[in-house]
């Protein structure tokens, strides 16, 4: 991961923690892909994808979460859930950063379904 990506994930984590989420795992990797952040929001397990776009000319951060990327995240989340007995309800959130300036964070809860 490059420096900007690591900084974006850290900024997203701090933001989510300020909103009351608890970090369970960072950069969960398996053969299906990587989940940037795995958090807990009350009784819900939250798989978080962090997207940084420095230049909105190419569609912005939200446009980078394609159906193919969603499918990889879902498979990685299923792998993660396979390691847990009795998994809680889950959702997929996306944190979008347009550049690294404060106030440029957009949190989309339940961004897509599995």
Protein backbone atom coordinates (compact mmCIF):
# COMPACT_ATOMS: atom_id res chain seq x y z
CA UNK A 1 0.00 0.00 0.00
CA UNK A 2 1.31 3.43 -0.79
CA UNK A 3 1.73 6.23 1.73
CA UNK A 4 -1.42 8.08 0.62
CA UNK A 5 -3.49 4.91 0.94
CA UNK A 6 -2.22 4.26 4.46
CA UNK A 7 -2.94 7.87 5.45
CA UNK A 8 -6.43 7.66 3.95
CA UNK A 9 -7.19 4.47 5.89
CA UNK A 10 -5.94 6.07 9.11
CA UNK A 11 -8.05 9.20 8.51
CA UNK A 12 -11.10 7.01 7.82
CA UNK A 13 -10.46 4.96 10.96
CA UNK A 14 -10.19 8.04 13.16
CA UNK A 15 -13.39 9.41 11.65
CA UNK A 16 -15.29 6.15 12.19
CA UNK A 17 -14.05 5.85 15.76
CA UNK A 18 -15.32 9.38 16.41
CA UNK A 19 -18.70 8.13 15.16
CA UNK A 20 -18.65 5.30 17.72
CA UNK A 21 -17.33 2.36 15.68
CA UNK A 22 -14.77 0.01 17.20
CA UNK A 23 -11.88 -1.35 15.13
CA UNK A 24 -11.67 -5.16 15.08
CA UNK A 25 -9.15 -5.65 12.29
CA UNK A 26 -7.17 -3.58 9.82
CA UNK A 27 -6.18 -4.79 6.35
CA UNK A 28 -7.70 -8.26 6.60
CA UNK A 29 -6.19 -10.29 3.77
CA UNK A 30 -7.21 -13.61 2.32
CA UNK A 31 -7.00 -15.31 -1.06
CA UNK A 32 -10.07 -13.39 -2.23
CA UNK A 33 -8.76 -9.93 -1.52
CA UNK A 34 -8.40 -7.40 1.25
CA UNK A 35 -10.82 -5.61 3.54
CA UNK A 36 -9.46 -2.26 4.64
CA UNK A 37 -11.22 -2.09 8.01
CA UNK A 38 -13.40 -4.50 9.95
CA UNK A 39 -15.32 -2.62 12.62
CA UNK A 40 -18.15 -3.11 15.05
CA UNK A 41 -21.09 -0.71 15.15
CA UNK A 42 -23.11 -1.78 18.18
CA UNK A 43 -24.27 -5.31 17.29
CA UNK A 44 -23.33 -5.06 13.60
CA UNK A 45 -20.11 -6.18 11.96
CA UNK A 46 -19.03 -3.56 9.41
CA UNK A 47 -16.71 -4.22 6.48
CA UNK A 48 -15.28 -0.89 5.38
CA UNK A 49 -13.75 -0.04 2.02
CA UNK A 50 -11.71 3.17 2.03
CA UNK A 51 -11.29 4.99 -1.27
CA UNK A 52 -9.06 7.98 -1.91
CA UNK A 53 -9.17 9.99 -5.09
CA UNK A 54 -6.83 12.91 -5.51
CA UNK A 55 -8.41 13.93 -8.81
CA UNK A 56 -12.23 13.89 -9.20
CA UNK A 57 -11.84 14.20 -12.97
CA UNK A 58 -11.90 10.39 -13.21
CA UNK A 59 -15.27 10.00 -11.51
CA UNK A 60 -14.31 10.49 -7.88
CA UNK A 61 -13.82 7.88 -5.19
CA UNK A 62 -17.34 6.42 -5.38
CA UNK A 63 -16.95 5.60 -9.07
CA UNK A 64 -13.98 3.39 -8.26
CA UNK A 65 -16.11 0.83 -6.40
CA UNK A 66 -17.14 -1.30 -9.34
CA UNK A 67 -19.34 -4.39 -9.29
CA UNK A 68 -16.16 -6.46 -9.62
CA UNK A 69 -14.64 -4.73 -6.56
CA UNK A 70 -17.87 -5.29 -4.62
CA UNK A 71 -17.81 -9.00 -5.49
CA UNK A 72 -14.22 -9.30 -4.23
CA UNK A 73 -15.15 -7.55 -0.98
CA UNK A 74 -18.14 -9.83 -0.50
CA UNK A 75 -16.01 -12.95 -1.03
CA UNK A 76 -13.36 -11.68 1.40
CA UNK A 77 -16.08 -10.88 3.96
CA UNK A 78 -17.53 -14.39 3.58
CA UNK A 79 -14.06 -15.79 4.22
CA UNK A 80 -13.73 -13.60 7.33
CA UNK A 81 -17.15 -14.72 8.59
CA UNK A 82 -16.13 -18.34 8.05
CA UNK A 83 -13.54 -17.88 10.81
CA UNK A 84 -16.19 -16.88 13.35
CA UNK A 85 -18.81 -18.93 15.07
CA UNK A 86 -22.27 -17.38 15.16
CA UNK A 87 -21.47 -14.18 13.20
CA UNK A 88 -23.55 -11.06 13.89
CA UNK A 89 -25.50 -9.07 11.29
CA UNK A 90 -23.17 -7.43 8.76
CA UNK A 91 -23.05 -4.53 6.37
CA UNK A 92 -20.66 -2.97 3.85
CA UNK A 93 -19.74 0.67 4.33
CA UNK A 94 -17.61 2.89 2.16
CA UNK A 95 -15.55 5.85 3.31
CA UNK A 96 -14.70 8.23 0.48
CA UNK A 97 -11.92 10.77 0.66
CA UNK A 98 -11.52 13.36 -2.06
CA UNK A 99 -7.95 14.45 -1.37
CA UNK A 100 -6.49 14.50 2.11
CA UNK A 101 -7.95 17.78 3.36
CA UNK A 102 -9.98 17.68 6.59
CA UNK A 103 -13.71 17.75 6.00
CA UNK A 104 -13.42 15.81 2.74
CA UNK A 105 -14.69 12.53 4.20
CA UNK A 106 -17.97 10.98 3.11
CA UNK A 107 -19.26 7.90 4.96
CA UNK A 108 -21.79 5.76 3.11
CA UNK A 109 -23.43 3.23 5.42
CA UNK A 110 -24.72 0.02 3.91
CA UNK A 111 -23.28 1.07 0.55
CA UNK A 112 -24.06 -2.24 -1.15
CA UNK A 113 -25.54 -5.58 -0.22
CA UNK A 114 -24.27 -9.11 -0.37
